[in-house]
């Protein structure tokens, strides 16, 4: 840690008190719950797009309507690099806590806008325009949330348990997606299919806006990280400092590319794949997604804790090797599977492999950068990479299907994972070379 007593602008000099284990866990919990609400709001769009596609895009066949909603899902990702940039600058200048609270405000407004937006039959082209605007706000929020949250959890954790505690970013990210699916399952039981298509899909967006209020309340009680409060005043602009770390920036891009594409393939896109390609019912695809996501969520702290023992690099390499070898066989076999359990085991196998990336990617990125640019260094290149590869996953998969070459998408995912594997093999193990411990 930096031994300087200099504080950020606007801060009053004060001695740093020793943080207790209980206060550390409380802050991590508060930050994680807020992260869960943010990701719930983000994933509700993907979970319910099968129902609201006709509201905003009434013409065309099912694949065409899903292409339209997937395109807007991808548009939301365009704002994520801007969010990573703006919130990263904000978090590195005024604090992680304030940036995390600001991101919740943006997500709340975006969800409320979708919940109240009129359909195409009422305002015509204005309906998809409002949907795009709401997703841009949510993209800005999520783009800022990831880098700041990864930084906060990594800095708040102790050196010996950093992999374990930081893995809760994906625990809450996945739980947000899982809760979105849970709400979908409940509504499928309580409402008729016609009611879900007509107005029921609006309910989860309203729930998300209300939950944001709870997240704001919890985040008010978070403590600022010691790394930030002890950092020295920056002598040059954050962007100029960031450009002095090109290797670290490219490392974030490389290690993220294959992982984020695999993650979005087996989570957000898989529900549509099971319906649109395999031919399963919406209900079966939803329950399979919920079951696999729950087990996937439980794996995160286990593998995160393992990285504290064996290092980050071996686990990333395991994901890279297995992902490169197994993606095409898994998706090809899944295409022909007709049973619930068959689909469940194949998707679960894929998610076990993906856990080698998701459980530790946040801490690996945070350990690459010094305190004064950590949130920006994590958030900006990550958001750019996710926008290019994760945000377009559904659209590219549906495009390959629309031209009759769906297997081309399987090889696309494989190729991206293989590129990331090259990064994992050549990079240093950040557990042994962490910038958090040397600040």
Protein backbone atom coordinates (compact mmCIF):
# COMPACT_ATOMS: atom_id res chain seq x y z
CA UNK A 1 0.00 0.00 0.00
CA UNK A 2 1.03 3.57 -0.58
CA UNK A 3 2.50 4.99 2.63
CA UNK A 4 1.70 8.57 1.64
CA UNK A 5 -0.75 10.44 3.86
CA UNK A 6 -1.96 12.57 0.97
CA UNK A 7 -5.70 12.38 0.37
CA UNK A 8 -7.85 13.04 -2.71
CA UNK A 9 -9.10 16.55 -3.35
CA UNK A 10 -12.06 17.39 -1.16
CA UNK A 11 -11.11 14.88 1.55
CA UNK A 12 -10.31 15.91 5.09
CA UNK A 13 -7.23 14.51 6.71
CA UNK A 14 -8.12 11.79 9.15
CA UNK A 15 -6.36 8.78 10.58
CA UNK A 16 -7.28 5.48 8.97
CA UNK A 17 -8.84 3.15 11.51
CA UNK A 18 -8.24 -0.57 11.36
CA UNK A 19 -11.09 -2.25 9.49
CA UNK A 20 -12.67 -5.16 11.34
CA UNK A 21 -13.70 -8.39 9.64
CA UNK A 22 -17.38 -7.66 10.30
CA UNK A 23 -17.22 -4.17 8.79
CA UNK A 24 -15.32 -5.55 5.80
CA UNK A 25 -17.94 -8.24 5.21
CA UNK A 26 -20.77 -5.72 5.68
CA UNK A 27 -19.31 -3.42 3.05
CA UNK A 28 -18.71 -6.30 0.64
CA UNK A 29 -22.29 -7.47 1.20
CA UNK A 30 -23.73 -4.00 0.60
CA UNK A 31 -21.72 -3.57 -2.56
CA UNK A 32 -22.63 -7.04 -3.77
CA UNK A 33 -26.37 -6.61 -3.21
CA UNK A 34 -26.31 -3.40 -5.19
CA UNK A 35 -24.46 -5.23 -7.93
CA UNK A 36 -27.15 -7.93 -7.91
CA UNK A 37 -29.93 -5.38 -8.39
CA UNK A 38 -28.06 -3.75 -11.25
CA UNK A 39 -27.57 -7.04 -13.06
CA UNK A 40 -31.14 -8.12 -12.40
CA UNK A 41 -32.32 -4.99 -14.19
CA UNK A 42 -29.89 -5.63 -17.04
CA UNK A 43 -30.85 -9.30 -17.56
CA UNK A 44 -34.60 -8.86 -17.22
CA UNK A 45 -34.45 -7.52 -20.77
CA UNK A 46 -32.98 -10.77 -22.09
CA UNK A 47 -35.23 -12.98 -19.96
CA UNK A 48 -38.46 -11.33 -21.12
CA UNK A 49 -37.57 -10.37 -24.68
CA UNK A 50 -39.47 -13.40 -25.99
CA UNK A 51 -42.63 -11.79 -24.61
CA UNK A 52 -42.21 -8.09 -25.36
CA UNK A 53 -40.68 -8.43 -28.86
CA UNK A 54 -44.14 -8.19 -30.47
CA UNK A 55 -44.99 -5.09 -28.45
CA UNK A 56 -42.13 -3.08 -29.92
CA UNK A 57 -41.70 -4.94 -33.24
CA UNK A 58 -45.11 -6.32 -34.30
CA UNK A 59 -44.19 -7.36 -37.85
CA UNK A 60 -42.11 -10.27 -39.09
CA UNK A 61 -41.51 -13.86 -38.00
CA UNK A 62 -40.19 -14.91 -34.60
CA UNK A 63 -36.53 -14.92 -35.63
CA UNK A 64 -36.87 -11.42 -37.15
CA UNK A 65 -38.45 -10.07 -33.96
CA UNK A 66 -35.73 -11.67 -31.82
CA UNK A 67 -33.11 -10.15 -34.11
CA UNK A 68 -34.61 -6.70 -33.44
CA UNK A 69 -34.61 -7.14 -29.67
CA UNK A 70 -31.12 -8.68 -29.78
CA UNK A 71 -29.93 -5.69 -31.80
CA UNK A 72 -31.17 -3.32 -29.09
CA UNK A 73 -29.56 -5.58 -26.47
CA UNK A 74 -26.32 -5.05 -28.40
CA UNK A 75 -26.97 -1.29 -28.66
CA UNK A 76 -27.08 -1.13 -24.87
CA UNK A 77 -23.53 -2.45 -24.89
CA UNK A 78 -22.38 0.53 -26.95
CA UNK A 79 -22.78 2.70 -23.87
CA UNK A 80 -20.82 0.38 -21.63
CA UNK A 81 -17.38 1.68 -22.68
CA UNK A 82 -18.63 5.23 -22.06
CA UNK A 83 -19.93 4.13 -18.68
CA UNK A 84 -16.63 2.40 -17.90
CA UNK A 85 -14.77 5.56 -18.86
CA UNK A 86 -16.95 8.12 -17.04
CA UNK A 87 -17.60 6.05 -13.91
CA UNK A 88 -13.99 4.86 -13.82
CA UNK A 89 -12.77 8.47 -13.83
CA UNK A 90 -15.36 9.37 -11.21
CA UNK A 91 -14.50 6.39 -8.97
CA UNK A 92 -10.77 7.06 -9.16
CA UNK A 93 -11.27 10.74 -8.37
CA UNK A 94 -14.04 10.93 -5.73
CA UNK A 95 -14.32 7.35 -4.51
CA UNK A 96 -15.65 3.89 -5.30
CA UNK A 97 -18.72 4.32 -3.07
CA UNK A 98 -20.06 7.45 -4.80
CA UNK A 99 -19.59 5.93 -8.25
CA UNK A 100 -21.43 2.76 -7.24
CA UNK A 101 -24.38 4.81 -5.99
CA UNK A 102 -24.51 6.87 -9.19
CA UNK A 103 -24.70 3.73 -11.33
CA UNK A 104 -27.77 2.53 -9.41
CA UNK A 105 -29.60 5.80 -10.13
CA UNK A 106 -29.07 5.35 -13.87
CA UNK A 107 -30.22 1.74 -13.87
CA UNK A 108 -33.35 2.59 -11.89
CA UNK A 109 -34.42 5.24 -14.40
CA UNK A 110 -33.79 2.97 -17.39
CA UNK A 111 -35.87 0.13 -15.94
CA UNK A 112 -38.73 2.44 -15.04
CA UNK A 113 -38.76 3.85 -18.56
CA UNK A 114 -39.11 0.37 -20.10
CA UNK A 115 -41.85 -0.56 -17.64
CA UNK A 116 -43.93 2.49 -18.61
CA UNK A 117 -43.13 2.70 -22.34
CA UNK A 118 -46.13 2.49 -24.73
CA UNK A 119 -46.10 -0.13 -27.47
CA UNK A 120 -45.70 0.17 -31.25
CA UNK A 121 -49.46 0.16 -31.85
CA UNK A 122 -49.84 3.30 -29.70
CA UNK A 123 -46.87 5.51 -30.60
CA UNK A 124 -45.41 3.76 -33.64
CA UNK A 125 -41.68 4.19 -34.16
CA UNK A 126 -41.49 6.05 -30.85
CA UNK A 127 -41.78 2.72 -29.00
CA UNK A 128 -38.49 1.17 -30.18
CA UNK A 129 -36.82 4.59 -29.83
CA UNK A 130 -37.79 4.72 -26.15
CA UNK A 131 -36.59 1.16 -25.74
CA UNK A 132 -33.23 2.06 -27.26
CA UNK A 133 -32.90 5.12 -25.01
CA UNK A 134 -33.66 3.08 -21.89
CA UNK A 135 -31.09 0.45 -22.86
CA UNK A 136 -28.49 3.17 -23.47
CA UNK A 137 -29.02 4.40 -19.90
CA UNK A 138 -28.76 0.87 -18.56
CA UNK A 139 -25.62 0.28 -20.62
CA UNK A 140 -24.05 3.42 -19.16
CA UNK A 141 -24.89 2.17 -15.68
CA UNK A 142 -23.61 -1.38 -16.13
CA UNK A 143 -20.49 -0.15 -17.89
CA UNK A 144 -19.59 1.89 -14.83
CA UNK A 145 -20.74 -0.75 -12.36
CA UNK A 146 -18.41 -3.53 -13.42
CA UNK A 147 -15.06 -1.75 -13.16
CA UNK A 148 -15.94 0.07 -9.96
CA UNK A 149 -17.46 -3.00 -8.33
CA UNK A 150 -14.49 -5.19 -9.28
CA UNK A 151 -12.16 -2.57 -7.87
CA UNK A 152 -14.18 -2.14 -4.67
CA UNK A 153 -14.43 -5.85 -3.87
CA UNK A 154 -10.77 -6.51 -4.69
CA UNK A 155 -9.55 -3.59 -2.58
CA UNK A 156 -11.87 -4.36 0.31
CA UNK A 157 -10.79 -8.03 0.54
CA UNK A 158 -7.73 -9.24 2.39
CA UNK A 159 -4.73 -10.44 0.38
CA UNK A 160 -5.22 -14.07 1.40
CA UNK A 161 -8.93 -14.17 0.42
CA UNK A 162 -8.99 -11.75 -2.50
CA UNK A 163 -9.94 -14.36 -5.08
CA UNK A 164 -12.72 -15.68 -2.86
CA UNK A 165 -14.28 -12.31 -1.99
CA UNK A 166 -13.98 -10.81 -5.46
CA UNK A 167 -15.75 -13.86 -6.92
CA UNK A 168 -18.93 -12.55 -5.33
CA UNK A 169 -19.13 -10.02 -8.13
CA UNK A 170 -20.15 -12.85 -10.44
CA UNK A 171 -22.18 -14.52 -7.68
CA UNK A 172 -24.33 -11.39 -7.56
CA UNK A 173 -24.16 -10.92 -11.33
CA UNK A 174 -25.45 -14.46 -11.86
CA UNK A 175 -27.96 -14.18 -9.01
CA UNK A 176 -29.35 -11.07 -10.68
CA UNK A 177 -29.85 -13.08 -13.85
CA UNK A 178 -31.24 -15.97 -11.81
CA UNK A 179 -33.74 -13.75 -10.02
CA UNK A 180 -34.83 -12.39 -13.40
CA UNK A 181 -35.50 -15.95 -14.53
CA UNK A 182 -37.21 -16.69 -11.20
CA UNK A 183 -39.57 -13.78 -11.72
CA UNK A 184 -40.26 -15.11 -15.21
CA UNK A 185 -41.09 -18.59 -13.87
CA UNK A 186 -43.43 -17.15 -11.23
CA UNK A 187 -45.20 -14.95 -13.75
CA UNK A 188 -45.53 -17.90 -16.14
CA UNK A 189 -47.42 -19.69 -13.37
CA UNK A 190 -49.58 -16.76 -12.28
CA UNK A 191 -50.44 -15.25 -15.67
CA UNK A 192 -51.66 -16.67 -18.94
CA UNK A 193 -49.44 -16.55 -22.00
CA UNK A 194 -51.69 -13.87 -23.48
CA UNK A 195 -51.37 -11.72 -20.34
CA UNK A 196 -47.58 -12.03 -20.39
CA UNK A 197 -47.46 -10.91 -24.02
CA UNK A 198 -49.94 -8.08 -23.40
CA UNK A 199 -48.72 -6.48 -20.15
CA UNK A 200 -47.17 -9.02 -17.78
CA UNK A 201 -43.65 -8.45 -19.13
CA UNK A 202 -43.74 -4.93 -17.65
CA UNK A 203 -43.90 -6.22 -14.06
CA UNK A 204 -40.23 -7.30 -13.71
CA UNK A 205 -38.99 -3.92 -14.94
CA UNK A 206 -41.11 -2.17 -12.31
CA UNK A 207 -39.73 -4.56 -9.66
CA UNK A 208 -36.20 -3.68 -10.74
CA UNK A 209 -36.83 0.04 -10.36
CA UNK A 210 -38.17 -0.49 -6.83
CA UNK A 211 -35.27 -2.75 -5.82
CA UNK A 212 -32.86 0.00 -6.83
CA UNK A 213 -34.17 2.03 -3.88
CA UNK A 214 -33.09 -0.77 -1.54
CA UNK A 215 -29.68 -0.91 -3.22
CA UNK A 216 -29.20 2.82 -2.73
CA UNK A 217 -30.03 2.51 0.96
CA UNK A 218 -27.51 -0.32 1.44
CA UNK A 219 -24.75 1.42 -0.48
CA UNK A 220 -25.09 4.51 1.70
CA UNK A 221 -23.65 2.43 4.55
CA UNK A 222 -20.62 1.16 2.62
CA UNK A 223 -17.12 2.12 3.76
CA UNK A 224 -14.64 3.56 1.28
CA UNK A 225 -11.66 1.29 0.53
CA UNK A 226 -8.36 1.85 2.29
CA UNK A 227 -6.49 1.81 -1.01
CA UNK A 228 -8.46 4.82 -2.21
CA UNK A 229 -8.39 6.82 1.02
CA UNK A 230 -4.61 6.41 1.27
CA UNK A 231 -3.77 7.11 -2.35
CA UNK A 232 -1.57 10.03 -3.25
CA UNK A 233 -2.91 12.93 -5.30
CA UNK A 234 -2.50 12.24 -9.02
CA UNK A 235 0.16 14.36 -10.74
CA UNK A 236 -1.31 13.97 -14.25
CA UNK A 237 -4.62 13.15 -15.89
CA UNK A 238 -6.03 9.67 -15.39
CA UNK A 239 -6.23 8.95 -19.13
CA UNK A 240 -2.59 9.93 -19.61
CA UNK A 241 -1.58 7.69 -16.71
CA UNK A 242 -3.68 4.88 -18.15
CA UNK A 243 -1.87 5.12 -21.48
CA UNK A 244 1.35 4.36 -19.63
CA UNK A 245 0.04 0.82 -19.10
CA UNK A 246 -0.56 -0.50 -22.66
CA UNK A 247 0.42 -4.08 -21.76
CA UNK A 248 -2.10 -4.19 -18.93
CA UNK A 249 -4.82 -2.71 -21.15
CA UNK A 250 -4.26 -5.30 -23.86
CA UNK A 251 -4.16 -8.04 -21.25
CA UNK A 252 -7.65 -7.05 -20.06
CA UNK A 253 -8.92 -7.10 -23.65
CA UNK A 254 -7.34 -10.46 -24.41
CA UNK A 255 -8.35 -12.29 -21.27
CA UNK A 256 -11.93 -10.94 -21.53
CA UNK A 257 -12.68 -11.72 -25.19
CA UNK A 258 -13.21 -15.46 -25.06
CA UNK A 259 -14.60 -15.51 -21.54
CA UNK A 260 -17.31 -12.93 -22.06
CA UNK A 261 -18.41 -14.48 -25.37
CA UNK A 262 -18.67 -17.93 -23.78
CA UNK A 263 -20.53 -16.49 -20.79
CA UNK A 264 -23.17 -14.73 -22.88
CA UNK A 265 -23.52 -17.75 -25.15
CA UNK A 266 -24.37 -20.15 -22.32
CA UNK A 267 -26.44 -17.73 -20.26
CA UNK A 268 -28.42 -14.97 -21.97
CA UNK A 269 -28.51 -16.53 -25.45
CA UNK A 270 -29.06 -20.12 -24.33
CA UNK A 271 -32.71 -19.57 -23.38
CA UNK A 272 -33.49 -18.44 -26.93
CA UNK A 273 -31.30 -21.16 -28.44
CA UNK A 274 -33.26 -23.87 -26.68
CA UNK A 275 -36.55 -22.44 -27.99
CA UNK A 276 -35.56 -21.24 -31.45
CA UNK A 277 -33.08 -23.98 -32.44
CA UNK A 278 -33.58 -27.04 -30.23
CA UNK A 279 -37.37 -26.64 -30.31
CA UNK A 280 -38.10 -26.73 -26.57
CA UNK A 281 -40.95 -24.83 -24.93
CA UNK A 282 -40.35 -21.44 -23.34
CA UNK A 283 -41.19 -22.97 -19.96
CA UNK A 284 -38.62 -25.79 -20.28
CA UNK A 285 -35.92 -23.45 -21.55
CA UNK A 286 -36.53 -21.13 -18.60
CA UNK A 287 -36.31 -23.86 -15.95
CA UNK A 288 -33.16 -25.32 -17.54
CA UNK A 289 -31.55 -21.89 -17.56
CA UNK A 290 -32.54 -21.28 -13.94
CA UNK A 291 -31.21 -24.65 -12.73
CA UNK A 292 -27.87 -24.36 -14.51
CA UNK A 293 -27.40 -20.74 -13.45
CA UNK A 294 -27.98 -21.61 -9.79
CA UNK A 295 -25.24 -24.25 -9.79
CA UNK A 296 -23.02 -21.95 -11.85
CA UNK A 297 -23.45 -19.26 -9.20
CA UNK A 298 -22.47 -21.66 -6.42
CA UNK A 299 -19.24 -22.56 -8.24
CA UNK A 300 -17.89 -19.00 -8.25
CA UNK A 301 -16.60 -18.68 -4.65
CA UNK A 302 -15.28 -22.26 -4.74
CA UNK A 303 -13.09 -21.60 -7.77
CA UNK A 304 -12.31 -18.06 -6.57
CA UNK A 305 -11.07 -19.53 -3.29
CA UNK A 306 -9.06 -22.13 -5.19
CA UNK A 307 -7.28 -19.33 -7.06
CA UNK A 308 -6.06 -18.01 -3.69
CA UNK A 309 -4.26 -21.34 -3.25
CA UNK A 310 -3.01 -22.30 -6.72
CA UNK A 311 -2.94 -18.95 -8.47
CA UNK A 312 -5.10 -17.22 -11.10
CA UNK A 313 -3.18 -18.28 -14.22
CA UNK A 314 -3.66 -22.09 -13.98
CA UNK A 315 -7.42 -21.64 -13.66
CA UNK A 316 -7.59 -19.28 -16.64
CA UNK A 317 -5.52 -21.72 -18.71
CA UNK A 318 -7.88 -24.57 -17.77
CA UNK A 319 -10.82 -22.53 -19.06
CA UNK A 320 -8.94 -21.66 -22.25
CA UNK A 321 -7.95 -25.24 -23.06
CA UNK A 322 -11.31 -26.83 -22.25
CA UNK A 323 -13.26 -24.03 -23.92
CA UNK A 324 -11.26 -24.37 -27.13
CA UNK A 325 -11.63 -28.16 -27.25
CA UNK A 326 -15.22 -28.57 -26.04
CA UNK A 327 -17.30 -25.68 -27.43
CA UNK A 328 -18.08 -27.20 -30.83
CA UNK A 329 -18.86 -30.71 -29.46
CA UNK A 330 -21.12 -29.31 -26.73
CA UNK A 331 -23.15 -26.99 -28.98
CA UNK A 332 -23.35 -29.56 -31.80
CA UNK A 333 -24.68 -32.22 -29.44
CA UNK A 334 -27.04 -29.76 -27.76
CA UNK A 335 -28.57 -29.01 -31.18
CA UNK A 336 -29.85 -32.60 -31.37
CA UNK A 337 -30.87 -33.05 -27.72
CA UNK A 338 -34.62 -33.22 -27.04
CA UNK A 339 -34.76 -34.08 -23.33
CA UNK A 340 -34.71 -31.67 -20.38
CA UNK A 341 -31.95 -33.55 -18.56
CA UNK A 342 -29.82 -33.90 -21.66
CA UNK A 343 -29.86 -30.16 -22.24
CA UNK A 344 -29.25 -29.50 -18.54
CA UNK A 345 -26.10 -31.64 -18.34
CA UNK A 346 -24.60 -30.24 -21.54
CA UNK A 347 -25.14 -26.62 -20.52
CA UNK A 348 -23.90 -27.34 -17.00
CA UNK A 349 -20.72 -28.87 -18.40
CA UNK A 350 -20.16 -25.73 -20.46
CA UNK A 351 -20.74 -23.46 -17.46
CA UNK A 352 -18.30 -25.43 -15.30
CA UNK A 353 -15.67 -24.67 -17.94
CA UNK A 354 -16.68 -20.99 -18.13
CA UNK A 355 -16.33 -20.71 -14.32
CA UNK A 356 -12.57 -20.75 -14.82
CA UNK A 357 -12.97 -17.28 -16.30
CA UNK A 358 -15.95 -15.77 -14.49
CA UNK A 359 -14.88 -16.56 -10.93
CA UNK A 360 -11.57 -14.70 -11.07
CA UNK A 361 -11.62 -12.30 -14.01
CA UNK A 362 -12.52 -9.32 -11.80
CA UNK A 363 -9.65 -9.77 -9.36
CA UNK A 364 -7.14 -10.49 -12.14
CA UNK A 365 -7.97 -7.18 -13.81
CA UNK A 366 -7.93 -5.23 -10.55
CA UNK A 367 -4.52 -6.67 -9.66
CA UNK A 368 -3.05 -5.33 -12.91
CA UNK A 369 -3.41 -1.60 -12.17
CA UNK A 370 -2.26 0.94 -9.53
CA UNK A 371 -4.84 2.57 -7.26
CA UNK A 372 -5.10 5.93 -9.04
CA UNK A 373 -6.37 4.36 -12.29
CA UNK A 374 -7.66 0.98 -11.10
CA UNK A 375 -11.40 1.52 -11.66
CA UNK A 376 -10.75 3.13 -15.04
CA UNK A 377 -8.16 0.53 -16.04
CA UNK A 378 -10.51 -2.32 -15.22
CA UNK A 379 -13.73 -0.77 -16.48
CA UNK A 380 -12.85 0.84 -19.82
CA UNK A 381 -11.03 -1.96 -21.72
CA UNK A 382 -13.37 -4.55 -20.22
CA UNK A 383 -16.47 -2.63 -21.35
CA UNK A 384 -15.03 -2.16 -24.84
CA UNK A 385 -14.33 -5.87 -25.16
CA UNK A 386 -17.71 -6.93 -23.76
CA UNK A 387 -19.47 -4.51 -26.13
CA UNK A 388 -17.71 -6.01 -29.14
CA UNK A 389 -17.92 -9.69 -28.22
CA UNK A 390 -20.48 -10.17 -25.44
CA UNK A 391 -22.99 -7.59 -26.58
CA UNK A 392 -23.13 -8.95 -30.12
CA UNK A 393 -23.21 -12.64 -29.14
CA UNK A 394 -26.97 -13.08 -29.53
CA UNK A 395 -27.13 -11.07 -32.73
CA UNK A 396 -24.26 -12.94 -34.39
CA UNK A 397 -25.68 -16.31 -33.30
CA UNK A 398 -29.12 -15.43 -34.72
CA UNK A 399 -27.51 -14.07 -37.89
CA UNK A 400 -25.66 -17.33 -38.49
CA UNK A 401 -28.97 -19.14 -37.99
CA UNK A 402 -30.82 -16.81 -40.37
CA UNK A 403 -28.40 -17.62 -43.21
CA UNK A 404 -28.50 -21.37 -42.53
CA UNK A 405 -24.97 -21.64 -41.08
CA UNK A 406 -25.59 -21.92 -37.35
CA UNK A 407 -22.51 -24.09 -36.78
CA UNK A 408 -20.40 -21.14 -37.91
CA UNK A 409 -21.21 -19.50 -34.57
CA UNK A 410 -19.80 -22.49 -32.68
CA UNK A 411 -16.45 -22.04 -34.41
CA UNK A 412 -16.56 -18.29 -33.82
CA UNK A 413 -16.83 -18.85 -30.05
CA UNK A 414 -14.06 -21.45 -30.19
CA UNK A 415 -11.73 -19.08 -32.04
CA UNK A 416 -12.23 -16.27 -29.53
CA UNK A 417 -11.53 -18.57 -26.58
CA UNK A 418 -8.37 -19.79 -28.32
CA UNK A 419 -7.12 -16.20 -28.66
CA UNK A 420 -7.74 -15.62 -24.94
CA UNK A 421 -5.86 -18.82 -24.17
CA UNK A 422 -2.76 -17.32 -25.77
CA UNK A 423 -3.03 -14.40 -23.32
CA UNK A 424 -3.43 -16.72 -20.32
CA UNK A 425 -0.35 -18.73 -21.29
CA UNK A 426 1.88 -15.68 -21.71
CA UNK A 427 0.69 -13.46 -18.83
CA UNK A 428 2.07 -13.38 -15.29
CA UNK A 429 0.07 -14.79 -12.41
CA UNK A 430 -1.49 -11.71 -10.78
CA UNK A 431 -1.79 -13.43 -7.41
CA UNK A 432 2.00 -13.33 -7.18
CA UNK A 433 2.40 -9.98 -8.97
CA UNK A 434 -0.57 -7.99 -7.64
CA UNK A 435 -0.53 -4.18 -7.86
CA UNK A 436 -2.98 -4.07 -4.97
CA UNK A 437 -0.43 -5.47 -2.56
CA UNK A 438 2.36 -3.20 -3.84
CA UNK A 439 0.39 0.09 -3.87
